Amino acid sequence: MSRKAINRIKVVLVEKNLSSKWLAEQLGKNEATISRWCTNDVQPTLNTLASIAELLGVQITDLINKEHK
């Protein structure tokens, strides 16, 4: 079974020319945690997703793959 891409954190980081290391530092999280979010192994909480959106200057909906079913 293939893993569905629920969040677009990695895509938005690339669009903004930012690294997962930068995001980890901003959020005070481990880089491995950010990596798991970026590969959709696990999902951040809604509160964390809101913090990521604020840091990246995007709407929270921009971080969610709208085609996920």
PDB file of N, CA and C in Angstrom:
ATOM      1  N   MET A   1       0.842  -1.178   0.000  1.00  0.00           N
ATOM      2  CA  MET A   1       0.000   0.000   0.000  1.00  0.00           C
ATOM      3  C   MET A   1       0.885   1.238   0.000  1.00  0.00           C
ATOM      4  N   SER A   2       0.627   2.153  -0.902  1.00  0.00           N
ATOM      5  CA  SER A   2       1.448   3.364  -0.980  1.00  0.00           C
ATOM      6  C   SER A   2       0.962   4.395   0.034  1.00  0.00           C
ATOM      7  N   ARG A   3       1.906   5.181   0.498  1.00  0.00           N
ATOM      8  CA  ARG A   3       1.612   6.216   1.479  1.00  0.00           C
ATOM      9  C   ARG A   3       1.039   7.434   0.772  1.00  0.00           C
ATOM     10  N   LYS A   4      -0.035   7.975   1.298  1.00  0.00           N
ATOM     11  CA  LYS A   4      -0.667   9.172   0.729  1.00  0.00           C
ATOM     12  C   LYS A   4       0.031  10.415   1.272  1.00  0.00           C
ATOM     13  N   ALA A   5       0.224  11.379   0.418  1.00  0.00           N
ATOM     14  CA  ALA A   5       0.811  12.651   0.823  1.00  0.00           C
ATOM     15  C   ALA A   5      -0.302  13.536   1.376  1.00  0.00           C
ATOM     16  N   ILE A   6      -0.404  13.570   2.694  1.00  0.00           N
ATOM     17  CA  ILE A   6      -1.463  14.348   3.338  1.00  0.00           C
ATOM     18  C   ILE A   6      -1.064  15.819   3.458  1.00  0.00           C
ATOM     19  N   ASN A   7       0.193  16.052   3.856  1.00  0.00           N
ATOM     20  CA  ASN A   7       0.614  17.445   3.996  1.00  0.00           C
ATOM     21  C   ASN A   7       1.597  17.821   2.890  1.00  0.00           C
ATOM     22  N   ARG A   8       1.744  19.120   2.691  1.00  0.00           N
ATOM     23  CA  ARG A   8       2.611  19.674   1.657  1.00  0.00           C
ATOM     24  C   ARG A   8       3.759  20.476   2.268  1.00  0.00           C
ATOM     25  N   ILE A   9       4.157  20.121   3.480  1.00  0.00           N
ATOM     26  CA  ILE A   9       5.198  20.891   4.168  1.00  0.00           C
ATOM     27  C   ILE A   9       6.478  20.927   3.335  1.00  0.00           C
ATOM     28  N   LYS A  10       6.916  19.775   2.845  1.00  0.00           N
ATOM     29  CA  LYS A  10       8.149  19.720   2.065  1.00  0.00           C
ATOM     30  C   LYS A  10       8.049  20.578   0.804  1.00  0.00           C
ATOM     31  N   VAL A  11       6.920  20.510   0.128  1.00  0.00           N
ATOM     32  CA  VAL A  11       6.712  21.286  -1.105  1.00  0.00           C
ATOM     33  C   VAL A  11       6.807  22.784  -0.815  1.00  0.00           C
ATOM     34  N   VAL A  12       6.145  23.217   0.250  1.00  0.00           N
ATOM     35  CA  VAL A  12       6.143  24.652   0.575  1.00  0.00           C
ATOM     36  C   VAL A  12       7.534  25.105   1.028  1.00  0.00           C
ATOM     37  N   LEU A  13       8.253  24.261   1.766  1.00  0.00           N
ATOM     38  CA  LEU A  13       9.624  24.610   2.143  1.00  0.00           C
ATOM     39  C   LEU A  13      10.478  24.836   0.897  1.00  0.00           C
ATOM     40  N   VAL A  14      10.343  23.950  -0.082  1.00  0.00           N
ATOM     41  CA  VAL A  14      11.107  24.092  -1.327  1.00  0.00           C
ATOM     42  C   VAL A  14      10.702  25.375  -2.050  1.00  0.00           C
ATOM     43  N   GLU A  15       9.399  25.626  -2.135  1.00  0.00           N
ATOM     44  CA  GLU A  15       8.914  26.847  -2.791  1.00  0.00           C
ATOM     45  C   GLU A  15       9.473  28.111  -2.132  1.00  0.00           C
ATOM     46  N   LYS A  16       9.635  28.065  -0.815  1.00  0.00           N
ATOM     47  CA  LYS A  16      10.127  29.220  -0.057  1.00  0.00           C
ATOM     48  C   LYS A  16      11.654  29.218   0.066  1.00  0.00           C
ATOM     49  N   ASN A  17      12.294  28.194  -0.535  1.00  0.00           N
ATOM     50  CA  ASN A  17      13.749  28.051  -0.478  1.00  0.00           C
ATOM     51  C   ASN A  17      14.255  27.965   0.963  1.00  0.00           C
ATOM     52  N   LEU A  18      13.536  27.195   1.773  1.00  0.00           N
ATOM     53  CA  LEU A  18      13.893  26.992   3.175  1.00  0.00           C
ATOM     54  C   LEU A  18      14.156  25.513   3.413  1.00  0.00           C
ATOM     55  N   SER A  19      14.901  25.221   4.470  1.00  0.00           N
ATOM     56  CA  SER A  19      15.255  23.835   4.766  1.00  0.00           C
ATOM     57  C   SER A  19      14.463  23.290   5.950  1.00  0.00           C
ATOM     58  N   SER A  20      14.448  21.976   6.031  1.00  0.00           N
ATOM     59  CA  SER A  20      13.799  21.343   7.185  1.00  0.00           C
ATOM     60  C   SER A  20      14.579  21.665   8.453  1.00  0.00           C
ATOM     61  N   LYS A  21      15.897  21.858   8.329  1.00  0.00           N
ATOM     62  CA  LYS A  21      16.708  22.250   9.485  1.00  0.00           C
ATOM     63  C   LYS A  21      16.247  23.606  10.012  1.00  0.00           C
ATOM     64  N   TRP A  22      16.003  24.554   9.104  1.00  0.00           N
ATOM     65  CA  TRP A  22      15.513  25.874   9.502  1.00  0.00           C
ATOM     66  C   TRP A  22      14.182  25.746  10.246  1.00  0.00           C
ATOM     67  N   LEU A  23      13.270  24.933   9.689  1.00  0.00           N
ATOM     68  CA  LEU A  23      11.961  24.761  10.311  1.00  0.00           C
ATOM     69  C   LEU A  23      12.105  24.135  11.696  1.00  0.00           C
ATOM     70  N   ALA A  24      12.982  23.153  11.816  1.00  0.00           N
ATOM     71  CA  ALA A  24      13.217  22.506  13.113  1.00  0.00           C
ATOM     72  C   ALA A  24      13.704  23.522  14.141  1.00  0.00           C
ATOM     73  N   GLU A  25      14.625  24.374  13.731  1.00  0.00           N
ATOM     74  CA  GLU A  25      15.150  25.409  14.640  1.00  0.00           C
ATOM     75  C   GLU A  25      14.061  26.389  15.054  1.00  0.00           C
ATOM     76  N   GLN A  26      13.231  26.800  14.106  1.00  0.00           N
ATOM     77  CA  GLN A  26      12.162  27.760  14.395  1.00  0.00           C
ATOM     78  C   GLN A  26      11.129  27.190  15.359  1.00  0.00           C
ATOM     79  N   LEU A  27      10.840  25.894  15.210  1.00  0.00           N
ATOM     80  CA  LEU A  27       9.808  25.253  16.033  1.00  0.00           C
ATOM     81  C   LEU A  27      10.367  24.638  17.317  1.00  0.00           C
ATOM     82  N   GLY A  28      11.690  24.570  17.427  1.00  0.00           N
ATOM     83  CA  GLY A  28      12.304  23.925  18.581  1.00  0.00           C
ATOM     84  C   GLY A  28      12.063  22.421  18.570  1.00  0.00           C
ATOM     85  N   LYS A  29      12.034  21.856  17.371  1.00  0.00           N
ATOM     86  CA  LYS A  29      11.797  20.419  17.199  1.00  0.00           C
ATOM     87  C   LYS A  29      13.048  19.747  16.667  1.00  0.00           C
ATOM     88  N   ASN A  30      13.098  18.439  16.814  1.00  0.00           N
ATOM     89  CA  ASN A  30      14.182  17.637  16.283  1.00  0.00           C
ATOM     90  C   ASN A  30      14.064  17.577  14.763  1.00  0.00           C
ATOM     91  N   GLU A  31      15.196  17.601  14.064  1.00  0.00           N
ATOM     92  CA  GLU A  31      15.169  17.519  12.603  1.00  0.00           C
ATOM     93  C   GLU A  31      14.521  16.234  12.111  1.00  0.00           C
ATOM     94  N   ALA A  32      14.675  15.157  12.868  1.00  0.00           N
ATOM     95  CA  ALA A  32      14.072  13.874  12.477  1.00  0.00           C
ATOM     96  C   ALA A  32      12.549  13.980  12.476  1.00  0.00           C
ATOM     97  N   THR A  33      12.004  14.734  13.398  1.00  0.00           N
ATOM     98  CA  THR A  33      10.550  14.943  13.442  1.00  0.00           C
ATOM     99  C   THR A  33      10.080  15.667  12.194  1.00  0.00           C
ATOM    100  N   ILE A  34      10.796  16.714  11.827  1.00  0.00           N
ATOM    101  CA  ILE A  34      10.444  17.474  10.625  1.00  0.00           C
ATOM    102  C   ILE A  34      10.538  16.567   9.402  1.00  0.00           C
ATOM    103  N   SER A  35      11.563  15.752   9.354  1.00  0.00           N
ATOM    104  CA  SER A  35      11.744  14.820   8.238  1.00  0.00           C
ATOM    105  C   SER A  35      10.555  13.871   8.119  1.00  0.00           C
ATOM    106  N   ARG A  36      10.080  13.367   9.243  1.00  0.00           N
ATOM    107  CA  ARG A  36       8.924  12.451   9.222  1.00  0.00           C
ATOM    108  C   ARG A  36       7.665  13.170   8.752  1.00  0.00           C
ATOM    109  N   TRP A  37       7.528  14.448   9.094  1.00  0.00           N
ATOM    110  CA  TRP A  37       6.388  15.221   8.585  1.00  0.00           C
ATOM    111  C   TRP A  37       6.519  15.414   7.083  1.00  0.00           C
ATOM    112  N   CYS A  38       7.734  15.766   6.635  1.00  0.00           N
ATOM    113  CA  CYS A  38       7.955  16.045   5.216  1.00  0.00           C
ATOM    114  C   CYS A  38       7.752  14.820   4.333  1.00  0.00           C
ATOM    115  N   THR A  39       7.988  13.645   4.884  1.00  0.00           N
ATOM    116  CA  THR A  39       7.790  12.412   4.113  1.00  0.00           C
ATOM    117  C   THR A  39       6.416  11.801   4.384  1.00  0.00           C
ATOM    118  N   ASN A  40       5.616  12.482   5.181  1.00  0.00           N
ATOM    119  CA  ASN A  40       4.266  12.033   5.524  1.00  0.00           C
ATOM    120  C   ASN A  40       4.242  10.703   6.280  1.00  0.00           C
ATOM    121  N   ASP A  41       5.341  10.391   6.978  1.00  0.00           N
ATOM    122  CA  ASP A  41       5.344   9.205   7.841  1.00  0.00           C
ATOM    123  C   ASP A  41       4.402   9.424   9.017  1.00  0.00           C
ATOM    124  N   VAL A  42       4.430  10.632   9.559  1.00  0.00           N
ATOM    125  CA  VAL A  42       3.528  11.051  10.628  1.00  0.00           C
ATOM    126  C   VAL A  42       3.072  12.462  10.311  1.00  0.00           C
ATOM    127  N   GLN A  43       2.023  12.907  10.981  1.00  0.00           N
ATOM    128  CA  GLN A  43       1.475  14.244  10.732  1.00  0.00           C
ATOM    129  C   GLN A  43       1.621  15.111  11.977  1.00  0.00           C
ATOM    130  N   PRO A  44       1.905  16.389  11.776  1.00  0.00           N
ATOM    131  CA  PRO A  44       1.953  17.305  12.918  1.00  0.00           C
ATOM    132  C   PRO A  44       0.540  17.553  13.446  1.00  0.00           C
ATOM    133  N   THR A  45       0.481  18.018  14.680  1.00  0.00           N
ATOM    134  CA  THR A  45      -0.822  18.377  15.247  1.00  0.00           C
ATOM    135  C   THR A  45      -1.353  19.598  14.505  1.00  0.00           C
ATOM    136  N   LEU A  46      -2.622  19.855  14.667  1.00  0.00           N
ATOM    137  CA  LEU A  46      -3.235  21.022  14.029  1.00  0.00           C
ATOM    138  C   LEU A  46      -2.590  22.309  14.533  1.00  0.00           C
ATOM    139  N   ASN A  47      -2.304  22.373  15.831  1.00  0.00           N
ATOM    140  CA  ASN A  47      -1.644  23.565  16.381  1.00  0.00           C
ATOM    141  C   ASN A  47      -0.260  23.769  15.767  1.00  0.00           C
ATOM    142  N   THR A  48       0.476  22.667  15.597  1.00  0.00           N
ATOM    143  CA  THR A  48       1.802  22.752  14.989  1.00  0.00           C
ATOM    144  C   THR A  48       1.693  23.153  13.528  1.00  0.00           C
ATOM    145  N   LEU A  49       0.710  22.603  12.833  1.00  0.00           N
ATOM    146  CA  LEU A  49       0.499  22.956  11.436  1.00  0.00           C
ATOM    147  C   LEU A  49       0.205  24.454  11.309  1.00  0.00           C
ATOM    148  N   ALA A  50      -0.559  24.997  12.244  1.00  0.00           N
ATOM    149  CA  ALA A  50      -0.851  26.433  12.250  1.00  0.00           C
ATOM    150  C   ALA A  50       0.426  27.240  12.479  1.00  0.00           C
ATOM    151  N   SER A  51       1.285  26.769  13.369  1.00  0.00           N
ATOM    152  CA  SER A  51       2.567  27.449  13.613  1.00  0.00           C
ATOM    153  C   SER A  51       3.453  27.411  12.373  1.00  0.00           C
ATOM    154  N   ILE A  52       3.479  26.269  11.692  1.00  0.00           N
ATOM    155  CA  ILE A  52       4.268  26.135  10.464  1.00  0.00           C
ATOM    156  C   ILE A  52       3.751  27.110   9.410  1.00  0.00           C
ATOM    157  N   ALA A  53       2.442  27.173   9.262  1.00  0.00           N
ATOM    158  CA  ALA A  53       1.844  28.088   8.282  1.00  0.00           C
ATOM    159  C   ALA A  53       2.245  29.525   8.580  1.00  0.00           C
ATOM    160  N   GLU A  54       2.195  29.904   9.834  1.00  0.00           N
ATOM    161  CA  GLU A  54       2.562  31.268  10.222  1.00  0.00           C
ATOM    162  C   GLU A  54       4.030  31.540   9.906  1.00  0.00           C
ATOM    163  N   LEU A  55       4.909  30.602  10.244  1.00  0.00           N
ATOM    164  CA  LEU A  55       6.338  30.770   9.967  1.00  0.00           C
ATOM    165  C   LEU A  55       6.622  30.894   8.471  1.00  0.00           C
ATOM    166  N   LEU A  56       5.877  30.138   7.676  1.00  0.00           N
ATOM    167  CA  LEU A  56       6.113  30.121   6.229  1.00  0.00           C
ATOM    168  C   LEU A  56       5.328  31.213   5.497  1.00  0.00           C
ATOM    169  N   GLY A  57       4.466  31.918   6.216  1.00  0.00           N
ATOM    170  CA  GLY A  57       3.696  32.995   5.603  1.00  0.00           C
ATOM    171  C   GLY A  57       2.657  32.497   4.615  1.00  0.00           C
ATOM    172  N   VAL A  58       2.043  31.352   4.939  1.00  0.00           N
ATOM    173  CA  VAL A  58       1.010  30.778   4.072  1.00  0.00           C
ATOM    174  C   VAL A  58      -0.224  30.461   4.912  1.00  0.00           C
ATOM    175  N   GLN A  59      -1.307  30.168   4.233  1.00  0.00           N
ATOM    176  CA  GLN A  59      -2.519  29.715   4.920  1.00  0.00           C
ATOM    177  C   GLN A  59      -2.345  28.251   5.302  1.00  0.00           C
ATOM    178  N   ILE A  60      -2.972  27.842   6.370  1.00  0.00           N
ATOM    179  CA  ILE A  60      -2.873  26.447   6.804  1.00  0.00           C
ATOM    180  C   ILE A  60      -3.363  25.502   5.698  1.00  0.00           C
ATOM    181  N   THR A  61      -4.328  25.947   4.923  1.00  0.00           N
ATOM    182  CA  THR A  61      -4.844  25.104   3.838  1.00  0.00           C
ATOM    183  C   THR A  61      -3.801  24.892   2.736  1.00  0.00           C
ATOM    184  N   ASP A  62      -2.819  25.792   2.645  1.00  0.00           N
ATOM    185  CA  ASP A  62      -1.743  25.625   1.670  1.00  0.00           C
ATOM    186  C   ASP A  62      -0.821  24.467   2.041  1.00  0.00           C
ATOM    187  N   LEU A  63      -0.887  24.033   3.300  1.00  0.00           N
ATOM    188  CA  LEU A  63      -0.027  22.950   3.772  1.00  0.00           C
ATOM    189  C   LEU A  63      -0.708  21.584   3.695  1.00  0.00           C
ATOM    190  N   ILE A  64      -1.940  21.572   3.230  1.00  0.00           N
ATOM    191  CA  ILE A  64      -2.699  20.328   3.173  1.00  0.00           C
ATOM    192  C   ILE A  64      -2.940  19.953   1.719  1.00  0.00           C
ATOM    193  N   ASN A  65      -2.673  18.703   1.400  1.00  0.00           N
ATOM    194  CA  ASN A  65      -2.909  18.215   0.044  1.00  0.00           C
ATOM    195  C   ASN A  65      -4.405  18.069  -0.148  1.00  0.00           C
ATOM    196  N   LYS A  66      -4.981  18.920  -0.958  1.00  0.00           N
ATOM    197  CA  LYS A  66      -6.434  18.943  -1.151  1.00  0.00           C
ATOM    198  C   LYS A  66      -6.941  17.731  -1.922  1.00  0.00           C
ATOM    199  N   GLU A  67      -6.048  16.996  -2.577  1.00  0.00           N
ATOM    200  CA  GLU A  67      -6.458  15.830  -3.345  1.00  0.00           C
ATOM    201  C   GLU A  67      -6.416  14.552  -2.537  1.00  0.00           C
ATOM    202  N   HIS A  68      -6.026  14.631  -1.261  1.00  0.00           N
ATOM    203  CA  HIS A  68      -5.987  13.453  -0.398  1.00  0.00           C
ATOM    204  C   HIS A  68      -7.401  12.980  -0.116  1.00  0.00           C
ATOM    205  N   LYS A  69      -7.623  11.701  -0.257  1.00  0.00           N
ATOM    206  CA  LYS A  69      -8.950  11.125   0.021  1.00  0.00           C
ATOM    207  C   LYS A  69      -8.830   9.963   0.952  1.00  0.00           C
TER     208      LYS A  69
END
